[in-house]
């Protein structure tokens, strides 16, 4: 896998930063081997992954990525260090344009007890209000998700010699990745 850490900016303006980045790198990004994990608003609250998102044109998060998130939450069980659950978001994150371009994508965020990011768009939304435990939970959840993507999907994406008539391993893996619920 190649790893890109993209600090897009412009998310609040229709994800224009992510749209521009995807446009600029469209020839480099292979839909067979690219996975987008969007991390946004993780400074307070408990971990949530999006099962779908979008204000007007809602898009489902990628089925297999959602299943990996569900596995992590299930394995977390009684320990509850992540306290992660799914959420359907009516907002567009940077994962939304990635899904629109058919990349496997999911968003990871944190929400407070009322189901939204505490202090969002408020004068109180300052670095001093960041919750260290929320940041640790989100980072741990994302690290676990990346490990599972690498361990469960990655091996199938390794280059392989295809026998006559057999699709390459990457194409077979993408067939699994690209299926929607």
N, C-alpha and C. Protein backbone atom coordinates (compact mmCIF):
# COMPACT_ATOMS: atom_id res chain seq x y z
N UNK A 1 0.83 -1.19 0.00
CA UNK A 1 0.00 0.00 0.00
C UNK A 1 0.87 1.25 0.00
N UNK A 2 0.41 2.26 -0.69
CA UNK A 2 0.97 3.60 -0.52
C UNK A 2 0.12 4.27 0.54
N UNK A 3 0.73 5.12 1.34
CA UNK A 3 0.00 5.85 2.36
C UNK A 3 0.11 7.33 2.09
N UNK A 4 -1.02 7.99 2.01
CA UNK A 4 -1.08 9.45 1.85
C UNK A 4 -1.82 10.00 3.05
N UNK A 5 -1.21 10.90 3.78
CA UNK A 5 -1.91 11.64 4.82
C UNK A 5 -2.26 12.98 4.18
N UNK A 6 -3.54 13.22 4.00
CA UNK A 6 -4.00 14.39 3.25
C UNK A 6 -4.73 15.32 4.20
N UNK A 7 -4.21 16.52 4.36
CA UNK A 7 -4.87 17.55 5.16
C UNK A 7 -5.52 18.50 4.16
N UNK A 8 -6.75 18.21 3.82
CA UNK A 8 -7.37 18.81 2.64
C UNK A 8 -7.78 20.26 2.80
N UNK A 9 -8.28 20.64 3.95
CA UNK A 9 -8.89 21.96 4.07
C UNK A 9 -10.12 22.03 3.19
N UNK A 10 -10.94 23.02 3.37
CA UNK A 10 -12.10 23.22 2.50
C UNK A 10 -13.21 22.22 2.68
N UNK A 11 -13.20 21.42 3.76
CA UNK A 11 -14.26 20.43 3.95
C UNK A 11 -15.61 21.11 4.15
N UNK A 12 -15.60 22.21 4.86
CA UNK A 12 -16.85 22.92 5.13
C UNK A 12 -17.41 23.60 3.88
N UNK A 13 -16.64 23.68 2.83
CA UNK A 13 -17.08 24.32 1.58
C UNK A 13 -17.34 23.25 0.53
N UNK A 14 -18.13 22.25 0.89
CA UNK A 14 -18.46 21.20 -0.06
C UNK A 14 -17.31 20.24 -0.34
N UNK A 15 -16.43 20.06 0.64
CA UNK A 15 -15.28 19.16 0.50
C UNK A 15 -14.41 19.52 -0.70
N UNK A 16 -14.29 20.81 -0.96
CA UNK A 16 -13.53 21.26 -2.14
C UNK A 16 -12.05 20.87 -2.07
N UNK A 17 -11.48 20.83 -0.87
CA UNK A 17 -10.08 20.41 -0.74
C UNK A 17 -9.88 18.97 -1.19
N UNK A 18 -10.75 18.08 -0.74
CA UNK A 18 -10.67 16.67 -1.14
C UNK A 18 -10.98 16.50 -2.61
N UNK A 19 -11.97 17.21 -3.09
CA UNK A 19 -12.30 17.13 -4.52
C UNK A 19 -11.09 17.55 -5.37
N UNK A 20 -10.43 18.62 -4.97
CA UNK A 20 -9.26 19.10 -5.72
C UNK A 20 -8.13 18.08 -5.64
N UNK A 21 -7.92 17.48 -4.46
CA UNK A 21 -6.85 16.50 -4.31
C UNK A 21 -7.13 15.26 -5.16
N UNK A 22 -8.36 14.79 -5.15
CA UNK A 22 -8.71 13.63 -5.98
C UNK A 22 -8.53 13.94 -7.46
N UNK A 23 -8.92 15.12 -7.87
CA UNK A 23 -8.76 15.53 -9.27
C UNK A 23 -7.27 15.57 -9.64
N UNK A 24 -6.47 16.19 -8.77
CA UNK A 24 -5.05 16.37 -9.04
C UNK A 24 -4.31 15.02 -9.11
N UNK A 25 -4.77 14.04 -8.33
CA UNK A 25 -4.05 12.76 -8.24
C UNK A 25 -4.80 11.61 -8.91
N UNK A 26 -5.79 11.91 -9.74
CA UNK A 26 -6.64 10.86 -10.31
C UNK A 26 -5.86 9.83 -11.11
N UNK A 27 -4.76 10.22 -11.74
CA UNK A 27 -3.99 9.26 -12.54
C UNK A 27 -3.11 8.37 -11.67
N UNK A 28 -2.79 8.82 -10.46
CA UNK A 28 -1.94 8.05 -9.56
C UNK A 28 -2.73 7.07 -8.70
N UNK A 29 -3.98 7.39 -8.42
CA UNK A 29 -4.78 6.60 -7.48
C UNK A 29 -5.44 5.44 -8.21
N UNK A 30 -5.13 4.25 -7.76
CA UNK A 30 -5.67 3.03 -8.35
C UNK A 30 -6.86 2.58 -7.51
N UNK A 31 -8.02 2.51 -8.12
CA UNK A 31 -9.22 2.11 -7.37
C UNK A 31 -9.13 0.67 -6.86
N UNK A 32 -8.21 -0.11 -7.40
CA UNK A 32 -8.04 -1.48 -6.92
C UNK A 32 -7.24 -1.54 -5.63
N UNK A 33 -6.46 -0.50 -5.33
CA UNK A 33 -5.58 -0.56 -4.16
C UNK A 33 -5.69 0.65 -3.25
N UNK A 34 -6.62 1.55 -3.50
CA UNK A 34 -6.76 2.76 -2.69
C UNK A 34 -7.97 2.62 -1.77
N UNK A 35 -7.76 2.92 -0.50
CA UNK A 35 -8.82 2.94 0.51
C UNK A 35 -8.74 4.30 1.19
N UNK A 36 -9.88 4.96 1.37
CA UNK A 36 -9.92 6.27 2.01
C UNK A 36 -10.54 6.13 3.40
N UNK A 37 -9.76 6.50 4.42
CA UNK A 37 -10.26 6.57 5.79
C UNK A 37 -10.21 8.04 6.18
N UNK A 38 -11.36 8.67 6.22
CA UNK A 38 -11.46 10.08 6.56
C UNK A 38 -11.58 10.21 8.08
N UNK A 39 -10.74 11.04 8.67
CA UNK A 39 -10.77 11.28 10.12
C UNK A 39 -11.12 12.74 10.32
N UNK A 40 -12.23 13.00 11.02
CA UNK A 40 -12.71 14.37 11.17
C UNK A 40 -13.44 14.50 12.50
N UNK A 41 -13.28 15.62 13.15
CA UNK A 41 -13.98 15.93 14.40
C UNK A 41 -13.80 14.84 15.46
N UNK A 42 -12.57 14.57 15.83
CA UNK A 42 -12.30 13.53 16.82
C UNK A 42 -11.82 14.11 18.16
N UNK A 43 -12.02 15.39 18.38
CA UNK A 43 -11.50 16.06 19.57
C UNK A 43 -12.32 15.90 20.83
N UNK A 44 -13.53 15.38 20.74
CA UNK A 44 -14.37 15.20 21.93
C UNK A 44 -15.48 14.22 21.61
N UNK A 45 -15.85 13.40 22.58
CA UNK A 45 -16.93 12.45 22.40
C UNK A 45 -16.43 11.03 22.22
N UNK A 46 -17.32 10.17 21.73
CA UNK A 46 -16.97 8.77 21.52
C UNK A 46 -16.94 8.47 20.02
N UNK A 47 -16.24 7.42 19.68
CA UNK A 47 -15.95 7.08 18.28
C UNK A 47 -17.21 6.61 17.55
N UNK A 48 -17.35 7.12 16.33
CA UNK A 48 -18.40 6.68 15.41
C UNK A 48 -17.79 6.49 14.03
N UNK A 49 -18.30 5.50 13.31
CA UNK A 49 -17.94 5.36 11.91
C UNK A 49 -19.22 5.57 11.11
N UNK A 50 -19.07 6.10 9.92
CA UNK A 50 -20.25 6.37 9.11
C UNK A 50 -20.67 5.12 8.35
N UNK A 51 -21.95 4.81 8.45
CA UNK A 51 -22.51 3.75 7.60
C UNK A 51 -22.99 4.37 6.30
N UNK A 52 -23.18 5.67 6.32
CA UNK A 52 -23.56 6.44 5.14
C UNK A 52 -23.51 7.91 5.49
N UNK A 53 -23.44 8.75 4.46
CA UNK A 53 -23.39 10.18 4.71
C UNK A 53 -23.82 10.96 3.49
N UNK A 54 -24.22 12.18 3.72
CA UNK A 54 -24.59 13.07 2.64
C UNK A 54 -25.86 13.83 2.94
N UNK A 55 -25.84 15.11 2.61
CA UNK A 55 -27.00 15.97 2.86
C UNK A 55 -28.09 15.74 1.83
N UNK A 56 -27.76 15.86 0.57
CA UNK A 56 -28.75 15.70 -0.49
C UNK A 56 -28.60 14.37 -1.20
N UNK A 57 -27.40 14.04 -1.57
CA UNK A 57 -27.13 12.78 -2.27
C UNK A 57 -26.38 11.86 -1.31
N UNK A 58 -27.13 11.19 -0.43
CA UNK A 58 -26.51 10.32 0.55
C UNK A 58 -25.82 9.14 -0.14
N UNK A 59 -24.64 8.83 0.36
CA UNK A 59 -23.88 7.69 -0.16
C UNK A 59 -23.55 6.76 1.00
N UNK A 60 -23.67 5.48 0.74
CA UNK A 60 -23.28 4.50 1.76
C UNK A 60 -21.77 4.47 1.88
N UNK A 61 -21.31 4.27 3.09
CA UNK A 61 -19.89 4.00 3.27
C UNK A 61 -19.62 2.62 2.68
N UNK A 62 -18.38 2.34 2.38
CA UNK A 62 -18.05 1.08 1.74
C UNK A 62 -18.39 -0.10 2.64
N UNK A 63 -19.12 -1.05 2.11
CA UNK A 63 -19.62 -2.19 2.87
C UNK A 63 -18.52 -2.92 3.63
N UNK A 64 -17.42 -3.24 2.97
CA UNK A 64 -16.39 -4.03 3.63
C UNK A 64 -15.68 -3.22 4.72
N UNK A 65 -15.52 -1.92 4.51
CA UNK A 65 -14.92 -1.08 5.55
C UNK A 65 -15.87 -0.98 6.75
N UNK A 66 -17.17 -0.86 6.49
CA UNK A 66 -18.15 -0.84 7.58
C UNK A 66 -18.09 -2.15 8.35
N UNK A 67 -17.97 -3.27 7.65
CA UNK A 67 -17.88 -4.57 8.32
C UNK A 67 -16.64 -4.65 9.20
N UNK A 68 -15.52 -4.11 8.74
CA UNK A 68 -14.31 -4.09 9.56
C UNK A 68 -14.53 -3.24 10.82
N UNK A 69 -15.19 -2.11 10.67
CA UNK A 69 -15.51 -1.26 11.82
C UNK A 69 -16.41 -2.01 12.80
N UNK A 70 -17.39 -2.73 12.28
CA UNK A 70 -18.29 -3.52 13.12
C UNK A 70 -17.51 -4.59 13.89
N UNK A 71 -16.55 -5.24 13.21
CA UNK A 71 -15.72 -6.24 13.87
C UNK A 71 -14.92 -5.63 15.02
N UNK A 72 -14.36 -4.46 14.78
CA UNK A 72 -13.57 -3.79 15.82
C UNK A 72 -14.46 -3.49 17.03
N UNK A 73 -15.65 -2.96 16.78
CA UNK A 73 -16.57 -2.64 17.88
C UNK A 73 -16.97 -3.90 18.63
N UNK A 74 -17.23 -4.98 17.90
CA UNK A 74 -17.61 -6.24 18.53
C UNK A 74 -16.45 -6.79 19.36
N UNK A 75 -15.25 -6.77 18.82
CA UNK A 75 -14.08 -7.26 19.55
C UNK A 75 -13.77 -6.39 20.76
N UNK A 76 -14.11 -5.11 20.68
CA UNK A 76 -13.89 -4.18 21.79
C UNK A 76 -14.74 -4.59 22.99
N UNK A 77 -15.93 -5.08 22.71
CA UNK A 77 -16.83 -5.66 23.70
C UNK A 77 -16.86 -4.99 25.06
N UNK A 78 -16.71 -5.80 26.10
CA UNK A 78 -16.83 -5.33 27.48
C UNK A 78 -15.73 -4.34 27.84
N UNK A 79 -14.58 -4.48 27.20
CA UNK A 79 -13.46 -3.56 27.47
C UNK A 79 -13.87 -2.12 27.15
N UNK A 80 -14.55 -1.95 26.02
CA UNK A 80 -15.12 -0.67 25.64
C UNK A 80 -14.16 0.49 25.50
N UNK A 81 -12.92 0.23 25.16
CA UNK A 81 -11.96 1.35 25.08
C UNK A 81 -12.30 2.32 23.96
N UNK A 82 -12.98 1.85 22.90
CA UNK A 82 -13.36 2.75 21.80
C UNK A 82 -14.79 3.26 21.94
N UNK A 83 -15.67 2.45 22.52
CA UNK A 83 -17.10 2.77 22.62
C UNK A 83 -17.67 3.16 21.26
N UNK A 84 -17.22 2.48 20.22
CA UNK A 84 -17.56 2.84 18.83
C UNK A 84 -18.90 2.26 18.41
N UNK A 85 -19.60 3.05 17.60
CA UNK A 85 -20.89 2.64 17.02
C UNK A 85 -21.03 3.30 15.65
N UNK A 86 -21.94 2.76 14.83
CA UNK A 86 -22.17 3.39 13.52
C UNK A 86 -23.03 4.64 13.65
N UNK A 87 -22.93 5.49 12.65
CA UNK A 87 -23.75 6.70 12.59
C UNK A 87 -24.04 6.99 11.12
N UNK A 88 -25.25 7.43 10.85
CA UNK A 88 -25.57 7.96 9.51
C UNK A 88 -25.51 9.46 9.62
N UNK A 89 -24.66 10.05 8.82
CA UNK A 89 -24.45 11.49 8.89
C UNK A 89 -25.18 12.18 7.74
N UNK A 90 -25.86 13.25 8.04
CA UNK A 90 -26.52 14.03 7.00
C UNK A 90 -25.60 15.12 6.46
N UNK A 91 -24.37 15.15 6.95
CA UNK A 91 -23.37 16.10 6.46
C UNK A 91 -22.46 15.38 5.46
N UNK A 92 -21.75 16.15 4.66
CA UNK A 92 -20.77 15.60 3.73
C UNK A 92 -19.38 15.76 4.34
N UNK A 93 -18.67 14.66 4.48
CA UNK A 93 -17.28 14.73 4.91
C UNK A 93 -16.39 14.57 3.68
N UNK A 94 -15.10 14.51 3.89
CA UNK A 94 -14.19 14.29 2.77
C UNK A 94 -14.29 12.88 2.18
N UNK A 95 -14.96 11.97 2.88
CA UNK A 95 -15.18 10.64 2.30
C UNK A 95 -16.25 10.68 1.21
N UNK A 96 -17.14 11.63 1.28
CA UNK A 96 -18.26 11.71 0.33
C UNK A 96 -17.78 11.83 -1.12
N UNK A 97 -16.88 12.77 -1.46
CA UNK A 97 -16.42 12.82 -2.85
C UNK A 97 -15.59 11.59 -3.24
N UNK A 98 -14.91 10.98 -2.29
CA UNK A 98 -14.17 9.75 -2.61
C UNK A 98 -15.14 8.64 -2.99
N UNK A 99 -16.24 8.51 -2.26
CA UNK A 99 -17.25 7.51 -2.62
C UNK A 99 -17.86 7.84 -3.98
N UNK A 100 -18.05 9.14 -4.24
CA UNK A 100 -18.59 9.56 -5.53
C UNK A 100 -17.70 9.15 -6.69
N UNK A 101 -16.41 9.03 -6.43
CA UNK A 101 -15.46 8.58 -7.46
C UNK A 101 -15.18 7.09 -7.35
N UNK A 102 -16.02 6.40 -6.60
CA UNK A 102 -15.99 4.94 -6.46
C UNK A 102 -14.77 4.39 -5.73
N UNK A 103 -14.21 5.17 -4.82
CA UNK A 103 -13.16 4.66 -3.95
C UNK A 103 -13.81 4.10 -2.69
N UNK A 104 -13.30 2.98 -2.17
CA UNK A 104 -13.78 2.51 -0.88
C UNK A 104 -13.46 3.58 0.17
N UNK A 105 -14.46 4.02 0.93
CA UNK A 105 -14.23 5.09 1.90
C UNK A 105 -15.18 4.95 3.08
N UNK A 106 -14.70 5.44 4.23
CA UNK A 106 -15.48 5.51 5.45
C UNK A 106 -14.95 6.70 6.25
N UNK A 107 -15.81 7.30 7.05
CA UNK A 107 -15.39 8.40 7.93
C UNK A 107 -15.39 7.93 9.38
N UNK A 108 -14.39 8.39 10.11
CA UNK A 108 -14.30 8.14 11.55
C UNK A 108 -14.40 9.50 12.22
N UNK A 109 -15.28 9.61 13.21
CA UNK A 109 -15.45 10.87 13.93
C UNK A 109 -15.81 10.56 15.37
N UNK A 110 -15.92 11.57 16.18
CA UNK A 110 -16.40 11.42 17.56
C UNK A 110 -17.61 12.32 17.75
N UNK A 111 -18.55 11.84 18.52
CA UNK A 111 -19.74 12.64 18.82
C UNK A 111 -19.99 12.61 20.33
N UNK A 112 -20.65 13.65 20.80
CA UNK A 112 -21.02 13.75 22.20
C UNK A 112 -22.34 13.06 22.46
N UNK A 113 -22.88 13.20 23.67
CA UNK A 113 -24.12 12.52 24.04
C UNK A 113 -25.33 12.92 23.20
N UNK A 114 -25.29 14.09 22.59
CA UNK A 114 -26.42 14.54 21.77
C UNK A 114 -26.28 14.14 20.30
N UNK A 115 -25.24 13.37 19.97
CA UNK A 115 -25.10 12.86 18.61
C UNK A 115 -24.38 13.77 17.65
N UNK A 116 -23.73 14.80 18.14
CA UNK A 116 -22.94 15.67 17.27
C UNK A 116 -21.66 16.06 17.99
N UNK A 117 -20.73 16.64 17.26
CA UNK A 117 -19.45 17.04 17.85
C UNK A 117 -19.68 18.20 18.81
N UNK A 118 -19.28 18.04 20.06
CA UNK A 118 -19.43 19.14 21.01
C UNK A 118 -18.67 20.38 20.53
N UNK A 119 -19.24 21.52 20.75
CA UNK A 119 -18.61 22.81 20.43
C UNK A 119 -18.47 23.09 18.94
N UNK A 120 -19.06 22.26 18.09
CA UNK A 120 -18.92 22.43 16.64
C UNK A 120 -19.40 23.82 16.22
N UNK A 121 -18.53 24.55 15.54
CA UNK A 121 -18.83 25.90 15.04
C UNK A 121 -19.21 26.88 16.16
N UNK A 122 -18.67 26.68 17.32
CA UNK A 122 -18.93 27.56 18.46
C UNK A 122 -17.63 28.26 18.87
N UNK A 123 -17.73 29.40 19.54
CA UNK A 123 -16.52 30.06 20.04
C UNK A 123 -15.73 29.17 21.01
N UNK A 124 -16.41 28.18 21.59
CA UNK A 124 -15.75 27.27 22.53
C UNK A 124 -14.97 26.16 21.82
N UNK A 125 -15.01 26.10 20.51
CA UNK A 125 -14.28 25.09 19.73
C UNK A 125 -12.82 25.52 19.63
N UNK A 126 -12.07 25.26 20.69
CA UNK A 126 -10.67 25.69 20.79
C UNK A 126 -9.79 24.51 21.17
N UNK A 127 -8.48 24.60 20.91
CA UNK A 127 -7.57 23.51 21.30
C UNK A 127 -7.63 23.18 22.79
N UNK A 128 -7.91 24.15 23.62
CA UNK A 128 -7.98 23.90 25.06
C UNK A 128 -9.12 22.94 25.42
N UNK A 129 -10.11 22.80 24.56
CA UNK A 129 -11.27 21.94 24.82
C UNK A 129 -11.10 20.52 24.28
N UNK A 130 -9.97 20.22 23.65
CA UNK A 130 -9.74 18.87 23.15
C UNK A 130 -9.71 17.88 24.31
N UNK A 131 -10.34 16.75 24.12
CA UNK A 131 -10.37 15.69 25.12
C UNK A 131 -9.33 14.64 24.74
N UNK A 132 -8.30 14.54 25.55
CA UNK A 132 -7.20 13.61 25.27
C UNK A 132 -7.70 12.17 25.11
N UNK A 133 -8.66 11.78 25.92
CA UNK A 133 -9.18 10.40 25.84
C UNK A 133 -9.92 10.16 24.52
N UNK A 134 -10.64 11.15 24.04
CA UNK A 134 -11.32 11.02 22.74
C UNK A 134 -10.30 10.87 21.63
N UNK A 135 -9.26 11.69 21.67
CA UNK A 135 -8.21 11.59 20.65
C UNK A 135 -7.55 10.22 20.68
N UNK A 136 -7.28 9.70 21.88
CA UNK A 136 -6.67 8.37 22.01
C UNK A 136 -7.60 7.28 21.48
N UNK A 137 -8.89 7.38 21.82
CA UNK A 137 -9.85 6.37 21.33
C UNK A 137 -9.92 6.39 19.80
N UNK A 138 -10.01 7.59 19.23
CA UNK A 138 -10.10 7.70 17.76
C UNK A 138 -8.83 7.20 17.10
N UNK A 139 -7.68 7.57 17.64
CA UNK A 139 -6.40 7.11 17.06
C UNK A 139 -6.29 5.59 17.16
N UNK A 140 -6.68 5.03 18.29
CA UNK A 140 -6.63 3.58 18.46
C UNK A 140 -7.57 2.86 17.51
N UNK A 141 -8.77 3.39 17.35
CA UNK A 141 -9.74 2.79 16.44
C UNK A 141 -9.21 2.83 15.00
N UNK A 142 -8.68 3.99 14.59
CA UNK A 142 -8.14 4.13 13.23
C UNK A 142 -6.96 3.20 13.01
N UNK A 143 -6.09 3.08 14.01
CA UNK A 143 -4.94 2.18 13.89
C UNK A 143 -5.41 0.74 13.72
N UNK A 144 -6.41 0.35 14.49
CA UNK A 144 -6.96 -1.00 14.37
C UNK A 144 -7.61 -1.21 13.00
N UNK A 145 -8.32 -0.22 12.51
CA UNK A 145 -8.94 -0.32 11.18
C UNK A 145 -7.88 -0.49 10.10
N UNK A 146 -6.83 0.30 10.17
CA UNK A 146 -5.75 0.20 9.18
C UNK A 146 -5.08 -1.17 9.25
N UNK A 147 -4.86 -1.68 10.47
CA UNK A 147 -4.29 -3.02 10.63
C UNK A 147 -5.18 -4.07 9.96
N UNK A 148 -6.47 -3.95 10.14
CA UNK A 148 -7.38 -4.93 9.56
C UNK A 148 -7.49 -4.79 8.04
N UNK A 149 -7.48 -3.58 7.54
CA UNK A 149 -7.46 -3.40 6.09
C UNK A 149 -6.20 -4.06 5.53
N UNK A 150 -5.07 -3.81 6.17
CA UNK A 150 -3.80 -4.37 5.71
C UNK A 150 -3.81 -5.90 5.83
N UNK A 151 -4.32 -6.43 6.93
CA UNK A 151 -4.29 -7.86 7.16
C UNK A 151 -5.33 -8.65 6.40
N UNK A 152 -6.52 -8.07 6.20
CA UNK A 152 -7.60 -8.83 5.57
C UNK A 152 -7.78 -8.53 4.09
N UNK A 153 -7.46 -7.33 3.67
CA UNK A 153 -7.63 -6.96 2.27
C UNK A 153 -6.29 -6.93 1.55
N UNK A 154 -5.28 -6.42 2.23
CA UNK A 154 -3.96 -6.25 1.63
C UNK A 154 -3.36 -7.48 0.97
N UNK A 155 -3.40 -8.65 1.64
CA UNK A 155 -2.79 -9.84 1.02
C UNK A 155 -3.37 -10.18 -0.35
N UNK A 156 -4.64 -9.90 -0.56
CA UNK A 156 -5.25 -10.20 -1.85
C UNK A 156 -4.84 -9.20 -2.93
N UNK A 157 -4.28 -8.07 -2.52
CA UNK A 157 -3.89 -7.06 -3.48
C UNK A 157 -2.45 -7.23 -3.94
N UNK A 158 -1.73 -8.17 -3.36
CA UNK A 158 -0.34 -8.40 -3.75
C UNK A 158 -0.30 -8.88 -5.19
N UNK A 159 0.71 -8.42 -5.97
CA UNK A 159 0.81 -8.87 -7.36
C UNK A 159 0.94 -10.39 -7.43
N UNK A 160 0.23 -10.98 -8.34
CA UNK A 160 0.27 -12.43 -8.51
C UNK A 160 0.20 -12.76 -9.99
N UNK A 161 0.83 -13.84 -10.37
CA UNK A 161 0.75 -14.32 -11.74
C UNK A 161 -0.59 -15.02 -11.91
N UNK A 162 -1.37 -14.54 -12.81
CA UNK A 162 -2.67 -15.16 -13.06
C UNK A 162 -2.52 -16.27 -14.08
N UNK A 163 -3.16 -17.40 -13.80
CA UNK A 163 -3.15 -18.47 -14.79
C UNK A 163 -4.05 -18.03 -15.94
N UNK A 164 -3.96 -18.72 -17.05
CA UNK A 164 -4.75 -18.29 -18.20
C UNK A 164 -6.23 -18.28 -17.85
N UNK A 165 -6.86 -17.18 -18.19
CA UNK A 165 -8.28 -17.02 -17.94
C UNK A 165 -8.63 -16.56 -16.52
N UNK A 166 -7.65 -16.52 -15.62
CA UNK A 166 -7.92 -16.09 -14.25
C UNK A 166 -7.59 -14.61 -14.10
N UNK A 167 -8.46 -13.89 -13.43
CA UNK A 167 -8.19 -12.48 -13.19
C UNK A 167 -7.07 -12.34 -12.16
N UNK A 168 -6.26 -11.28 -12.27
CA UNK A 168 -5.22 -11.05 -11.27
C UNK A 168 -5.82 -10.89 -9.88
N UNK A 169 -5.01 -11.15 -8.86
CA UNK A 169 -5.47 -11.07 -7.47
C UNK A 169 -6.05 -9.70 -7.15
N UNK A 170 -5.44 -8.65 -7.67
CA UNK A 170 -5.94 -7.30 -7.38
C UNK A 170 -7.35 -7.12 -7.93
N UNK A 171 -7.61 -7.66 -9.11
CA UNK A 171 -8.94 -7.53 -9.69
C UNK A 171 -9.96 -8.34 -8.89
N UNK A 172 -9.55 -9.53 -8.41
CA UNK A 172 -10.46 -10.33 -7.58
C UNK A 172 -10.76 -9.61 -6.27
N UNK A 173 -9.73 -9.02 -5.66
CA UNK A 173 -9.93 -8.30 -4.40
C UNK A 173 -10.84 -7.09 -4.63
N UNK A 174 -10.62 -6.40 -5.76
CA UNK A 174 -11.46 -5.23 -6.03
C UNK A 174 -12.91 -5.65 -6.22
N UNK A 175 -13.14 -6.80 -6.82
CA UNK A 175 -14.51 -7.27 -6.97
C UNK A 175 -15.18 -7.37 -5.61
N UNK A 176 -14.42 -7.83 -4.62
CA UNK A 176 -14.96 -7.91 -3.26
C UNK A 176 -15.12 -6.52 -2.69
N UNK A 177 -14.15 -5.63 -2.94
CA UNK A 177 -14.21 -4.28 -2.39
C UNK A 177 -15.34 -3.47 -2.99
N UNK A 178 -15.63 -3.68 -4.25
CA UNK A 178 -16.55 -2.78 -4.94
C UNK A 178 -18.03 -3.13 -4.77
N UNK A 179 -18.33 -4.24 -4.13
CA UNK A 179 -19.74 -4.63 -3.97
C UNK A 179 -20.41 -3.75 -2.92
N UNK A 180 -21.58 -3.25 -3.28
CA UNK A 180 -22.38 -2.42 -2.37
C UNK A 180 -23.40 -3.29 -1.68
N UNK A 181 -23.87 -2.85 -0.55
CA UNK A 181 -24.99 -3.52 0.12
C UNK A 181 -26.24 -3.29 -0.65
